[in-house]
Amino acid sequence: MITIAADGLGYSFWKCGKLTFEGFKRLGYQYVYLVNAHTAQIPKPHRSILVGDTILAIKWEWHRRHVTDKPIFWTDTPLMLDEIRDNVDEVNENWCVVALTPYFEKLYRDVGFKVSAVIPRPIDVYTAEKVMNIESKWREKFGRYVVTIGGDQIIAPPKKPRKGLEMFDMLAEHLKFKYDINAVAVSNWIYFKNVHRIPMGSLSEEDLLTLIRDAELFVWTSRNEGFGVPPLEAMAVSQLVVCSNAPFNDHIVGIKFDYQYEEIIYMPEIGRYYLAFDYDFKQLREAVDYALSLSEEEKEKVKEKAREAALYYRPDIIAQLLVEV
């Protein structure tokens, strides 16, 4: 029996839990359960897989609450890991620690975690395949547009928002003036001035993926991620992704610009810090200009490579990797 305990309050964590559940089902496992890690108590004989933020999972004591037979600590975080150093030995004793990327494997090992494997998050390649032949009306609504997806802190945002959505807003102004191209964001960010915002969680998976598919580009402005699923979803629907070459983006195939420097940023809304891989707006703007200037043949070569890479993140493949651990 396998139980996936996911953070039910985190949109991306719960989505990951659902896709992992589907992956196990596609492998033929009958006794698989998806539960909210905030409320559930998992029976000890089960194998548990914990999905959530690494820092918060430990602060909420999920590393004690959800210990079962052969448990997997499959969490990620963009936050600084220093505050949980004192809990590392306890996690190592009771859990099999799995990192999501080679970059975070190194970070985890640096604070003392014994990492057993590197296994990424799954993405919904099944719906991505389905929507490739579905018509949509996004172009009728927005005309030519670029798109991004991401939620961030809005009550007390840090001086440099982690998702870089203020950069996307600046980009929107540039694109409208230079190309008459609009900008669309699926986001909770309420400070946009130049972007058409669609509330996060308001779209079906089909609508979300066709929105990405029909854009000119997918632009990923994040300064740090625990993993970052949206650009992989864009890759799965053959969309061209523009992002920085920060190490947390190593698994993304697309057009990349150089980040300029690293800076530790305080996040007042949650009282914690993250490491920003920051860049100047000029780097973002020039990368987007370059991507738009590519010929269709050049774009298709990058898109084809990206879509092939995205197939690795199929839920059944990820579930099988978890079984092997």
C-alpha atoms as a PDB file:
ATOM      1  CA  MET A   1       0.000   0.000   0.000  1.00  0.00           C
ATOM      2  CA  ILE A   2       1.361   3.367  -1.030  1.00  0.00           C
ATOM      3  CA  THR A   3       0.175   6.685   0.391  1.00  0.00           C
ATOM      4  CA  ILE A   4       1.166  10.018  -1.123  1.00  0.00           C
ATOM      5  CA  ALA A   5       0.929  12.719   1.541  1.00  0.00           C
ATOM      6  CA  ALA A   6       0.890  16.080  -0.250  1.00  0.00           C
ATOM      7  CA  ASP A   7       0.522  19.636   0.985  1.00  0.00           C
ATOM      8  CA  GLY A   8      -3.156  20.242   0.241  1.00  0.00           C
ATOM      9  CA  LEU A   9      -2.754  23.998   0.636  1.00  0.00           C
ATOM     10  CA  GLY A  10      -0.049  24.251  -2.016  1.00  0.00           C
ATOM     11  CA  TYR A  11      -1.461  24.255  -5.550  1.00  0.00           C
ATOM     12  CA  SER A  12       1.666  22.826  -7.185  1.00  0.00           C
ATOM     13  CA  PHE A  13       2.277  20.267  -4.426  1.00  0.00           C
ATOM     14  CA  TRP A  14      -1.269  18.924  -4.623  1.00  0.00           C
ATOM     15  CA  LYS A  15      -1.064  18.780  -8.411  1.00  0.00           C
ATOM     16  CA  CYS A  16       2.177  16.825  -8.092  1.00  0.00           C
ATOM     17  CA  GLY A  17       0.464  14.449  -5.679  1.00  0.00           C
ATOM     18  CA  LYS A  18      -2.408  13.840  -8.100  1.00  0.00           C
ATOM     19  CA  LEU A  19      -0.074  13.186 -11.019  1.00  0.00           C
ATOM     20  CA  THR A  20       2.083  10.826  -8.949  1.00  0.00           C
ATOM     21  CA  PHE A  21      -1.080   8.993  -7.866  1.00  0.00           C
ATOM     22  CA  GLU A  22      -2.064   8.657 -11.526  1.00  0.00           C
ATOM     23  CA  GLY A  23       1.415   7.401 -12.348  1.00  0.00           C
ATOM     24  CA  PHE A  24       1.149   4.564  -9.848  1.00  0.00           C
ATOM     25  CA  LYS A  25      -2.308   3.680 -11.139  1.00  0.00           C
ATOM     26  CA  ARG A  26      -0.994   3.515 -14.704  1.00  0.00           C
ATOM     27  CA  LEU A  27       1.678   1.103 -13.486  1.00  0.00           C
ATOM     28  CA  GLY A  28      -1.082  -1.169 -12.207  1.00  0.00           C
ATOM     29  CA  TYR A  29      -0.884  -0.473  -8.464  1.00  0.00           C
ATOM     30  CA  GLN A  30      -4.309  -0.932  -6.880  1.00  0.00           C
ATOM     31  CA  TYR A  31      -3.742   0.215  -3.319  1.00  0.00           C
ATOM     32  CA  VAL A  32      -2.552   3.778  -3.774  1.00  0.00           C
ATOM     33  CA  TYR A  33      -3.904   6.713  -1.771  1.00  0.00           C
ATOM     34  CA  LEU A  34      -3.534  10.487  -2.002  1.00  0.00           C
ATOM     35  CA  VAL A  35      -4.060  12.361   1.265  1.00  0.00           C
ATOM     36  CA  ASN A  36      -3.651  15.885   2.586  1.00  0.00           C
ATOM     37  CA  ALA A  37      -0.500  15.948   4.704  1.00  0.00           C
ATOM     38  CA  HIS A  38      -2.070  18.614   6.946  1.00  0.00           C
ATOM     39  CA  THR A  39      -4.930  16.393   8.095  1.00  0.00           C
ATOM     40  CA  ALA A  40      -4.097  12.744   7.442  1.00  0.00           C
ATOM     41  CA  GLN A  41      -2.532  10.136   9.693  1.00  0.00           C
ATOM     42  CA  ILE A  42      -0.964   7.409   7.560  1.00  0.00           C
ATOM     43  CA  PRO A  43      -1.067   3.789   8.840  1.00  0.00           C
ATOM     44  CA  LYS A  44       2.412   2.537   9.702  1.00  0.00           C
ATOM     45  CA  PRO A  45       2.415  -0.464   7.298  1.00  0.00           C
ATOM     46  CA  HIS A  46       1.979   1.843   4.306  1.00  0.00           C
ATOM     47  CA  ARG A  47       4.806   3.161   2.185  1.00  0.00           C
ATOM     48  CA  SER A  48       4.596   6.931   2.328  1.00  0.00           C
ATOM     49  CA  ILE A  49       5.787   9.596  -0.095  1.00  0.00           C
ATOM     50  CA  LEU A  50       5.869  13.123   1.304  1.00  0.00           C
ATOM     51  CA  VAL A  51       5.296  16.012  -1.128  1.00  0.00           C
ATOM     52  CA  GLY A  52       5.665  19.600   0.067  1.00  0.00           C
ATOM     53  CA  ASP A  53       8.144  22.295   1.006  1.00  0.00           C
ATOM     54  CA  THR A  54      11.226  20.931   2.769  1.00  0.00           C
ATOM     55  CA  ILE A  55      11.500  23.717   5.354  1.00  0.00           C
ATOM     56  CA  LEU A  56       7.803  23.814   6.192  1.00  0.00           C
ATOM     57  CA  ALA A  57       7.467  20.017   6.266  1.00  0.00           C
ATOM     58  CA  ILE A  58      10.062  19.938   9.042  1.00  0.00           C
ATOM     59  CA  LYS A  59       8.705  23.007  10.857  1.00  0.00           C
ATOM     60  CA  TRP A  60       5.224  21.419  10.806  1.00  0.00           C
ATOM     61  CA  GLU A  61       6.854  18.158  12.029  1.00  0.00           C
ATOM     62  CA  TRP A  62       5.625  16.101   9.096  1.00  0.00           C
ATOM     63  CA  HIS A  63       8.990  14.328   9.197  1.00  0.00           C
ATOM     64  CA  ARG A  64       7.778  12.837  12.511  1.00  0.00           C
ATOM     65  CA  ARG A  65       4.062  12.544  11.834  1.00  0.00           C
ATOM     66  CA  HIS A  66       4.207  10.693   8.523  1.00  0.00           C
ATOM     67  CA  VAL A  67       6.960   8.133   9.173  1.00  0.00           C
ATOM     68  CA  THR A  68       5.826   4.714   7.909  1.00  0.00           C
ATOM     69  CA  ASP A  69       7.403   1.634   6.366  1.00  0.00           C
ATOM     70  CA  LYS A  70       9.915   2.710   3.666  1.00  0.00           C
ATOM     71  CA  PRO A  71       9.010   6.430   3.651  1.00  0.00           C
ATOM     72  CA  ILE A  72      10.320   8.768   0.951  1.00  0.00           C
ATOM     73  CA  PHE A  73      11.073  12.403   1.809  1.00  0.00           C
ATOM     74  CA  TRP A  74      10.412  13.881  -1.664  1.00  0.00           C
ATOM     75  CA  THR A  75      10.220  17.584  -0.910  1.00  0.00           C
ATOM     76  CA  ASP A  76      11.700  20.732  -2.397  1.00  0.00           C
ATOM     77  CA  THR A  77      12.159  24.352  -1.421  1.00  0.00           C
ATOM     78  CA  PRO A  78      13.531  27.638  -2.784  1.00  0.00           C
ATOM     79  CA  LEU A  79      14.241  28.733   0.797  1.00  0.00           C
ATOM     80  CA  MET A  80      17.601  28.768   2.564  1.00  0.00           C
ATOM     81  CA  LEU A  81      18.217  25.422   4.280  1.00  0.00           C
ATOM     82  CA  ASP A  82      20.288  26.670   7.226  1.00  0.00           C
ATOM     83  CA  GLU A  83      17.374  26.756   9.679  1.00  0.00           C
ATOM     84  CA  ILE A  84      16.779  22.986   9.481  1.00  0.00           C
ATOM     85  CA  ARG A  85      20.364  21.799   9.987  1.00  0.00           C
ATOM     86  CA  ASP A  86      19.512  20.572  13.495  1.00  0.00           C
ATOM     87  CA  ASN A  87      16.788  18.285  12.080  1.00  0.00           C
ATOM     88  CA  VAL A  88      18.852  16.631   9.358  1.00  0.00           C
ATOM     89  CA  ASP A  89      20.039  13.645  11.421  1.00  0.00           C
ATOM     90  CA  GLU A  90      16.457  12.793  12.422  1.00  0.00           C
ATOM     91  CA  VAL A  91      15.296  12.926   8.803  1.00  0.00           C
ATOM     92  CA  ASN A  92      18.235  10.788   7.668  1.00  0.00           C
ATOM     93  CA  GLU A  93      17.449   8.187  10.337  1.00  0.00           C
ATOM     94  CA  ASN A  94      13.781   7.783   9.471  1.00  0.00           C
ATOM     95  CA  TRP A  95      13.428   8.716   5.801  1.00  0.00           C
ATOM     96  CA  CYS A  96      14.808   7.963   2.368  1.00  0.00           C
ATOM     97  CA  VAL A  97      15.686  11.444   1.087  1.00  0.00           C
ATOM     98  CA  VAL A  98      15.117  12.091  -2.616  1.00  0.00           C
ATOM     99  CA  ALA A  99      16.163  15.367  -4.261  1.00  0.00           C
ATOM    100  CA  LEU A 100      14.429  16.755  -7.336  1.00  0.00           C
ATOM    101  CA  THR A 101      17.430  17.995  -9.317  1.00  0.00           C
ATOM    102  CA  PRO A 102      21.211  17.529  -9.235  1.00  0.00           C
ATOM    103  CA  TYR A 103      21.541  21.151  -8.110  1.00  0.00           C
ATOM    104  CA  PHE A 104      19.355  20.556  -5.057  1.00  0.00           C
ATOM    105  CA  GLU A 105      21.039  17.246  -4.381  1.00  0.00           C
ATOM    106  CA  LYS A 106      24.240  19.231  -3.846  1.00  0.00           C
ATOM    107  CA  LEU A 107      22.470  21.770  -1.594  1.00  0.00           C
ATOM    108  CA  TYR A 108      20.932  18.971   0.478  1.00  0.00           C
ATOM    109  CA  ARG A 109      24.241  17.167   0.850  1.00  0.00           C
ATOM    110  CA  ASP A 110      25.911  20.419   1.899  1.00  0.00           C
ATOM    111  CA  VAL A 111      23.607  20.667   4.940  1.00  0.00           C
ATOM    112  CA  GLY A 112      24.024  16.968   5.766  1.00  0.00           C
ATOM    113  CA  PHE A 113      21.124  15.150   4.095  1.00  0.00           C
ATOM    114  CA  LYS A 114      21.944  11.659   2.842  1.00  0.00           C
ATOM    115  CA  VAL A 115      20.363  11.812  -0.611  1.00  0.00           C
ATOM    116  CA  SER A 116      19.458   8.394  -2.020  1.00  0.00           C
ATOM    117  CA  ALA A 117      18.273   9.459  -5.470  1.00  0.00           C
ATOM    118  CA  VAL A 118      17.411  12.372  -7.749  1.00  0.00           C
ATOM    119  CA  ILE A 119      13.843  12.136  -9.080  1.00  0.00           C
ATOM    120  CA  PRO A 120      12.046  15.120 -10.646  1.00  0.00           C
ATOM    121  CA  ARG A 121       8.390  16.074 -10.365  1.00  0.00           C
ATOM    122  CA  PRO A 122       5.934  14.627 -12.910  1.00  0.00           C
ATOM    123  CA  ILE A 123       4.075  16.749 -15.442  1.00  0.00           C
ATOM    124  CA  ASP A 124       0.779  16.063 -17.179  1.00  0.00           C
ATOM    125  CA  VAL A 125       2.145  14.840 -20.511  1.00  0.00           C
ATOM    126  CA  TYR A 126      -1.097  12.928 -21.143  1.00  0.00           C
ATOM    127  CA  THR A 127      -3.182  16.098 -21.329  1.00  0.00           C
ATOM    128  CA  ALA A 128      -0.339  17.814 -23.181  1.00  0.00           C
ATOM    129  CA  GLU A 129      -0.537  15.150 -25.889  1.00  0.00           C
ATOM    130  CA  LYS A 130      -4.324  15.441 -26.002  1.00  0.00           C
ATOM    131  CA  VAL A 131      -4.443  19.217 -26.453  1.00  0.00           C
ATOM    132  CA  MET A 132      -2.030  19.294 -29.376  1.00  0.00           C
ATOM    133  CA  ASN A 133      -5.047  18.737 -31.650  1.00  0.00           C
ATOM    134  CA  ILE A 134      -7.613  20.826 -29.743  1.00  0.00           C
ATOM    135  CA  GLU A 135      -8.667  24.221 -31.033  1.00  0.00           C
ATOM    136  CA  SER A 136      -8.858  27.158 -28.657  1.00  0.00           C
ATOM    137  CA  LYS A 137      -9.956  30.789 -28.731  1.00  0.00           C
ATOM    138  CA  TRP A 138      -7.046  32.302 -26.827  1.00  0.00           C
ATOM    139  CA  ARG A 139      -5.731  34.089 -29.923  1.00  0.00           C
ATOM    140  CA  GLU A 140      -9.162  35.552 -30.521  1.00  0.00           C
ATOM    141  CA  LYS A 141      -9.164  36.865 -26.965  1.00  0.00           C
ATOM    142  CA  PHE A 142      -5.586  38.105 -26.588  1.00  0.00           C
ATOM    143  CA  GLY A 143      -4.203  38.380 -30.113  1.00  0.00           C
ATOM    144  CA  ARG A 144      -0.483  37.615 -30.234  1.00  0.00           C
ATOM    145  CA  TYR A 145       0.781  37.116 -26.674  1.00  0.00           C
ATOM    146  CA  VAL A 146       3.512  35.723 -24.456  1.00  0.00           C
ATOM    147  CA  VAL A 147       2.583  33.857 -21.299  1.00  0.00           C
ATOM    148  CA  THR A 148       3.879  32.979 -17.850  1.00  0.00           C
ATOM    149  CA  ILE A 149       2.505  31.025 -14.902  1.00  0.00           C
ATOM    150  CA  GLY A 150       3.312  31.511 -11.238  1.00  0.00           C
ATOM    151  CA  GLY A 151       2.043  32.570  -7.867  1.00  0.00           C
ATOM    152  CA  ASP A 152       3.983  34.631  -5.358  1.00  0.00           C
ATOM    153  CA  GLN A 153       3.610  36.421  -2.053  1.00  0.00           C
ATOM    154  CA  ILE A 154       1.269  39.382  -2.331  1.00  0.00           C
ATOM    155  CA  ILE A 155       0.529  40.430   1.265  1.00  0.00           C
ATOM    156  CA  ALA A 156       4.090  41.495   2.045  1.00  0.00           C
ATOM    157  CA  PRO A 157       6.214  40.779  -1.012  1.00  0.00           C
ATOM    158  CA  PRO A 158      10.015  40.932  -0.668  1.00  0.00           C
ATOM    159  CA  LYS A 159      11.977  43.750  -2.283  1.00  0.00           C
ATOM    160  CA  LYS A 160      12.784  41.322  -5.088  1.00  0.00           C
ATOM    161  CA  PRO A 161       9.811  39.000  -5.613  1.00  0.00           C
ATOM    162  CA  ARG A 162      11.014  35.432  -6.058  1.00  0.00           C
ATOM    163  CA  LYS A 163       8.998  34.758  -9.197  1.00  0.00           C
ATOM    164  CA  GLY A 164      10.253  37.932 -10.876  1.00  0.00           C
ATOM    165  CA  LEU A 165       6.740  38.876 -11.950  1.00  0.00           C
ATOM    166  CA  GLU A 166       7.552  42.581 -11.792  1.00  0.00           C
ATOM    167  CA  MET A 167      10.079  41.817 -14.542  1.00  0.00           C
ATOM    168  CA  PHE A 168       7.329  40.184 -16.592  1.00  0.00           C
ATOM    169  CA  ASP A 169       5.247  43.321 -16.144  1.00  0.00           C
ATOM    170  CA  MET A 170       8.108  45.454 -17.484  1.00  0.00           C
ATOM    171  CA  LEU A 171       8.493  43.021 -20.365  1.00  0.00           C
ATOM    172  CA  ALA A 172       4.787  43.381 -21.165  1.00  0.00           C
ATOM    173  CA  GLU A 173       5.202  47.108 -21.656  1.00  0.00           C
ATOM    174  CA  HIS A 174       8.189  46.561 -23.942  1.00  0.00           C
ATOM    175  CA  LEU A 175       6.424  43.921 -26.060  1.00  0.00           C
ATOM    176  CA  LYS A 176       3.302  45.987 -26.508  1.00  0.00           C
ATOM    177  CA  PHE A 177       5.277  49.026 -27.625  1.00  0.00           C
ATOM    178  CA  LYS A 178       7.741  47.236 -29.927  1.00  0.00           C
ATOM    179  CA  TYR A 179       5.695  44.347 -31.359  1.00  0.00           C
ATOM    180  CA  ASP A 180       2.061  44.953 -30.383  1.00  0.00           C
ATOM    181  CA  ILE A 181       2.269  41.645 -28.506  1.00  0.00           C
ATOM    182  CA  ASN A 182       0.277  41.249 -25.301  1.00  0.00           C
ATOM    183  CA  ALA A 183       1.345  39.524 -22.089  1.00  0.00           C
ATOM    184  CA  VAL A 184      -0.776  37.029 -20.151  1.00  0.00           C
ATOM    185  CA  ALA A 185      -0.084  35.593 -16.696  1.00  0.00           C
ATOM    186  CA  VAL A 186      -1.902  32.845 -14.817  1.00  0.00           C
ATOM    187  CA  SER A 187      -1.121  34.174 -11.375  1.00  0.00           C
ATOM    188  CA  ASN A 188      -2.274  35.502  -8.019  1.00  0.00           C
ATOM    189  CA  TRP A 189       0.039  38.532  -8.455  1.00  0.00           C
ATOM    190  CA  ILE A 190      -2.135  41.621  -8.078  1.00  0.00           C
ATOM    191  CA  TYR A 191       0.453  44.265  -8.904  1.00  0.00           C
ATOM    192  CA  PHE A 192       0.529  43.913 -12.685  1.00  0.00           C
ATOM    193  CA  LYS A 193       0.037  47.120 -14.638  1.00  0.00           C
ATOM    194  CA  ASN A 194       0.561  45.871 -18.200  1.00  0.00           C
ATOM    195  CA  VAL A 195      -0.400  42.185 -18.026  1.00  0.00           C
ATOM    196  CA  HIS A 196      -3.689  40.369 -18.610  1.00  0.00           C
ATOM    197  CA  ARG A 197      -4.013  38.303 -15.425  1.00  0.00           C
ATOM    198  CA  ILE A 198      -5.959  35.045 -15.189  1.00  0.00           C
ATOM    199  CA  PRO A 199      -6.480  33.931 -11.561  1.00  0.00           C
ATOM    200  CA  MET A 200      -4.380  30.938 -10.639  1.00  0.00           C
ATOM    201  CA  GLY A 201      -6.388  27.735 -10.369  1.00  0.00           C
ATOM    202  CA  SER A 202      -9.284  29.051 -12.458  1.00  0.00           C
ATOM    203  CA  LEU A 203      -8.451  27.101 -15.629  1.00  0.00           C
ATOM    204  CA  SER A 204      -8.863  23.441 -16.452  1.00  0.00           C
ATOM    205  CA  GLU A 205      -5.704  21.582 -17.430  1.00  0.00           C
ATOM    206  CA  GLU A 206      -6.797  21.596 -21.069  1.00  0.00           C
ATOM    207  CA  ASP A 207      -7.406  25.337 -21.057  1.00  0.00           C
ATOM    208  CA  LEU A 208      -4.122  25.983 -19.258  1.00  0.00           C
ATOM    209  CA  LEU A 209      -2.095  23.945 -21.720  1.00  0.00           C
ATOM    210  CA  THR A 210      -3.785  25.381 -24.793  1.00  0.00           C
ATOM    211  CA  LEU A 211      -3.133  28.861 -23.380  1.00  0.00           C
ATOM    212  CA  ILE A 212       0.562  27.977 -23.175  1.00  0.00           C
ATOM    213  CA  ARG A 213       0.576  26.242 -26.556  1.00  0.00           C
ATOM    214  CA  ASP A 214      -0.957  29.176 -28.456  1.00  0.00           C
ATOM    215  CA  ALA A 215       1.418  31.833 -27.097  1.00  0.00           C
ATOM    216  CA  GLU A 216       4.394  33.259 -28.965  1.00  0.00           C
ATOM    217  CA  LEU A 217       6.670  32.306 -26.054  1.00  0.00           C
ATOM    218  CA  PHE A 218       6.587  31.030 -22.494  1.00  0.00           C
ATOM    219  CA  VAL A 219       8.630  33.430 -20.350  1.00  0.00           C
ATOM    220  CA  TRP A 220       9.952  32.172 -16.994  1.00  0.00           C
ATOM    221  CA  THR A 221      11.161  35.095 -14.877  1.00  0.00           C
ATOM    222  CA  SER A 222      11.733  33.230 -11.596  1.00  0.00           C
ATOM    223  CA  ARG A 223      14.754  34.057  -9.425  1.00  0.00           C
ATOM    224  CA  ASN A 224      14.644  30.729  -7.595  1.00  0.00           C
ATOM    225  CA  GLU A 225      12.580  27.530  -7.605  1.00  0.00           C
ATOM    226  CA  GLY A 226      12.367  24.308  -5.692  1.00  0.00           C
ATOM    227  CA  PHE A 227      11.673  22.675  -9.028  1.00  0.00           C
ATOM    228  CA  GLY A 228       9.476  24.696 -11.403  1.00  0.00           C
ATOM    229  CA  VAL A 229       6.849  22.710 -13.337  1.00  0.00           C
ATOM    230  CA  PRO A 230       5.296  25.386 -15.658  1.00  0.00           C
ATOM    231  CA  PRO A 231       8.225  25.643 -18.108  1.00  0.00           C
ATOM    232  CA  LEU A 232       8.243  21.851 -18.411  1.00  0.00           C
ATOM    233  CA  GLU A 233       4.530  21.961 -19.212  1.00  0.00           C
ATOM    234  CA  ALA A 234       5.365  24.513 -21.894  1.00  0.00           C
ATOM    235  CA  MET A 235       8.020  22.175 -23.279  1.00  0.00           C
ATOM    236  CA  ALA A 236       5.464  19.336 -23.355  1.00  0.00           C
ATOM    237  CA  VAL A 237       3.173  21.334 -25.676  1.00  0.00           C
ATOM    238  CA  SER A 238       6.078  22.346 -27.945  1.00  0.00           C
ATOM    239  CA  GLN A 239       6.281  25.910 -26.694  1.00  0.00           C
ATOM    240  CA  LEU A 240       9.521  27.888 -26.759  1.00  0.00           C
ATOM    241  CA  VAL A 241      10.691  28.761 -23.226  1.00  0.00           C
ATOM    242  CA  VAL A 242      12.801  31.786 -22.281  1.00  0.00           C
ATOM    243  CA  CYS A 243      14.471  31.690 -18.849  1.00  0.00           C
ATOM    244  CA  SER A 244      17.719  32.457 -17.052  1.00  0.00           C
ATOM    245  CA  ASN A 245      20.640  30.041 -16.894  1.00  0.00           C
ATOM    246  CA  ALA A 246      20.464  29.856 -13.087  1.00  0.00           C
ATOM    247  CA  PRO A 247      21.255  26.317 -11.854  1.00  0.00           C
ATOM    248  CA  PHE A 248      17.670  25.592 -10.788  1.00  0.00           C
ATOM    249  CA  ASN A 249      16.733  25.905 -14.490  1.00  0.00           C
ATOM    250  CA  ASP A 250      19.244  23.302 -15.695  1.00  0.00           C
ATOM    251  CA  HIS A 251      16.476  20.856 -16.667  1.00  0.00           C
ATOM    252  CA  ILE A 252      14.754  23.406 -18.939  1.00  0.00           C
ATOM    253  CA  VAL A 253      15.375  23.308 -22.685  1.00  0.00           C
ATOM    254  CA  GLY A 254      14.912  26.704 -24.314  1.00  0.00           C
ATOM    255  CA  ILE A 255      16.470  30.130 -24.864  1.00  0.00           C
ATOM    256  CA  LYS A 256      18.491  31.159 -21.810  1.00  0.00           C
ATOM    257  CA  PHE A 257      19.997  34.444 -20.689  1.00  0.00           C
ATOM    258  CA  ASP A 258      22.755  34.980 -18.123  1.00  0.00           C
ATOM    259  CA  TYR A 259      21.837  35.727 -14.549  1.00  0.00           C
ATOM    260  CA  GLN A 260      24.080  38.435 -13.130  1.00  0.00           C
ATOM    261  CA  TYR A 261      24.626  37.767  -9.424  1.00  0.00           C
ATOM    262  CA  GLU A 262      23.373  36.014  -6.299  1.00  0.00           C
ATOM    263  CA  GLU A 263      21.731  37.795  -3.382  1.00  0.00           C
ATOM    264  CA  ILE A 264      20.030  36.587  -0.205  1.00  0.00           C
ATOM    265  CA  ILE A 265      16.562  38.126   0.010  1.00  0.00           C
ATOM    266  CA  TYR A 266      14.348  38.346   3.090  1.00  0.00           C
ATOM    267  CA  MET A 267      10.690  37.354   2.644  1.00  0.00           C
ATOM    268  CA  PRO A 268       8.702  39.278   5.296  1.00  0.00           C
ATOM    269  CA  GLU A 269       5.442  37.447   4.629  1.00  0.00           C
ATOM    270  CA  ILE A 270       6.905  34.165   5.888  1.00  0.00           C
ATOM    271  CA  GLY A 271       9.921  35.431   7.836  1.00  0.00           C
ATOM    272  CA  ARG A 272      12.449  33.446   5.790  1.00  0.00           C
ATOM    273  CA  TYR A 273      15.164  33.974   3.180  1.00  0.00           C
ATOM    274  CA  TYR A 274      15.744  32.782  -0.338  1.00  0.00           C
ATOM    275  CA  LEU A 275      18.799  32.968  -2.580  1.00  0.00           C
ATOM    276  CA  ALA A 276      17.975  35.121  -5.617  1.00  0.00           C
ATOM    277  CA  PHE A 277      19.758  34.367  -8.870  1.00  0.00           C
ATOM    278  CA  ASP A 278      19.153  37.864 -10.110  1.00  0.00           C
ATOM    279  CA  TYR A 279      19.468  39.500 -13.495  1.00  0.00           C
ATOM    280  CA  ASP A 280      18.998  42.867 -15.150  1.00  0.00           C
ATOM    281  CA  PHE A 281      15.875  43.535 -17.160  1.00  0.00           C
ATOM    282  CA  LYS A 282      18.080  44.087 -20.204  1.00  0.00           C
ATOM    283  CA  GLN A 283      19.118  40.411 -20.177  1.00  0.00           C
ATOM    284  CA  LEU A 284      15.490  39.282 -20.122  1.00  0.00           C
ATOM    285  CA  ARG A 285      14.414  41.754 -22.799  1.00  0.00           C
ATOM    286  CA  GLU A 286      17.222  40.848 -25.168  1.00  0.00           C
ATOM    287  CA  ALA A 287      16.583  37.119 -24.778  1.00  0.00           C
ATOM    288  CA  VAL A 288      12.902  37.588 -25.586  1.00  0.00           C
ATOM    289  CA  ASP A 289      13.753  39.799 -28.570  1.00  0.00           C
ATOM    290  CA  TYR A 290      16.142  37.119 -29.796  1.00  0.00           C
ATOM    291  CA  ALA A 291      13.590  34.335 -29.368  1.00  0.00           C
ATOM    292  CA  LEU A 292      10.994  36.301 -31.308  1.00  0.00           C
ATOM    293  CA  SER A 293      13.509  36.947 -34.100  1.00  0.00           C
ATOM    294  CA  LEU A 294      14.184  33.262 -34.744  1.00  0.00           C
ATOM    295  CA  SER A 295      12.882  31.746 -37.951  1.00  0.00           C
ATOM    296  CA  GLU A 296      10.116  29.160 -37.699  1.00  0.00           C
ATOM    297  CA  GLU A 297      12.629  26.459 -38.604  1.00  0.00           C
ATOM    298  CA  GLU A 298      14.969  27.565 -35.823  1.00  0.00           C
ATOM    299  CA  LYS A 299      12.128  27.682 -33.321  1.00  0.00           C
ATOM    300  CA  GLU A 300      10.926  24.216 -34.317  1.00  0.00           C
ATOM    301  CA  LYS A 301      14.354  22.695 -33.685  1.00  0.00           C
ATOM    302  CA  VAL A 302      14.372  23.990 -30.101  1.00  0.00           C
ATOM    303  CA  LYS A 303      10.725  23.035 -29.551  1.00  0.00           C
ATOM    304  CA  GLU A 304      11.263  19.490 -30.796  1.00  0.00           C
ATOM    305  CA  LYS A 305      14.229  19.000 -28.481  1.00  0.00           C
ATOM    306  CA  ALA A 306      12.226  20.449 -25.593  1.00  0.00           C
ATOM    307  CA  ARG A 307       9.209  18.224 -26.185  1.00  0.00           C
ATOM    308  CA  GLU A 308      11.397  15.123 -26.318  1.00  0.00           C
ATOM    309  CA  ALA A 309      12.982  16.141 -23.006  1.00  0.00           C
ATOM    310  CA  ALA A 310       9.548  16.686 -21.416  1.00  0.00           C
ATOM    311  CA  LEU A 311       8.559  13.049 -22.039  1.00  0.00           C
ATOM    312  CA  TYR A 312      10.970  12.022 -19.282  1.00  0.00           C
ATOM    313  CA  TYR A 313       8.596  13.585 -16.751  1.00  0.00           C
ATOM    314  CA  ARG A 314       5.665  11.262 -17.480  1.00  0.00           C
ATOM    315  CA  PRO A 315       3.905  10.323 -14.202  1.00  0.00           C
ATOM    316  CA  ASP A 316       4.301   6.576 -14.816  1.00  0.00           C
ATOM    317  CA  ILE A 317       8.062   6.979 -15.349  1.00  0.00           C
ATOM    318  CA  ILE A 318       8.386   9.077 -12.176  1.00  0.00           C
ATOM    319  CA  ALA A 319       6.282   6.586 -10.190  1.00  0.00           C
ATOM    320  CA  GLN A 320       8.514   3.728 -11.366  1.00  0.00           C
ATOM    321  CA  LEU A 321      11.603   5.633 -10.247  1.00  0.00           C
ATOM    322  CA  LEU A 322      10.030   6.100  -6.811  1.00  0.00           C
ATOM    323  CA  VAL A 323       9.275   2.375  -6.617  1.00  0.00           C
ATOM    324  CA  GLU A 324      12.893   1.554  -7.405  1.00  0.00           C
ATOM    325  CA  VAL A 325      14.080   3.776  -4.574  1.00  0.00           C
END
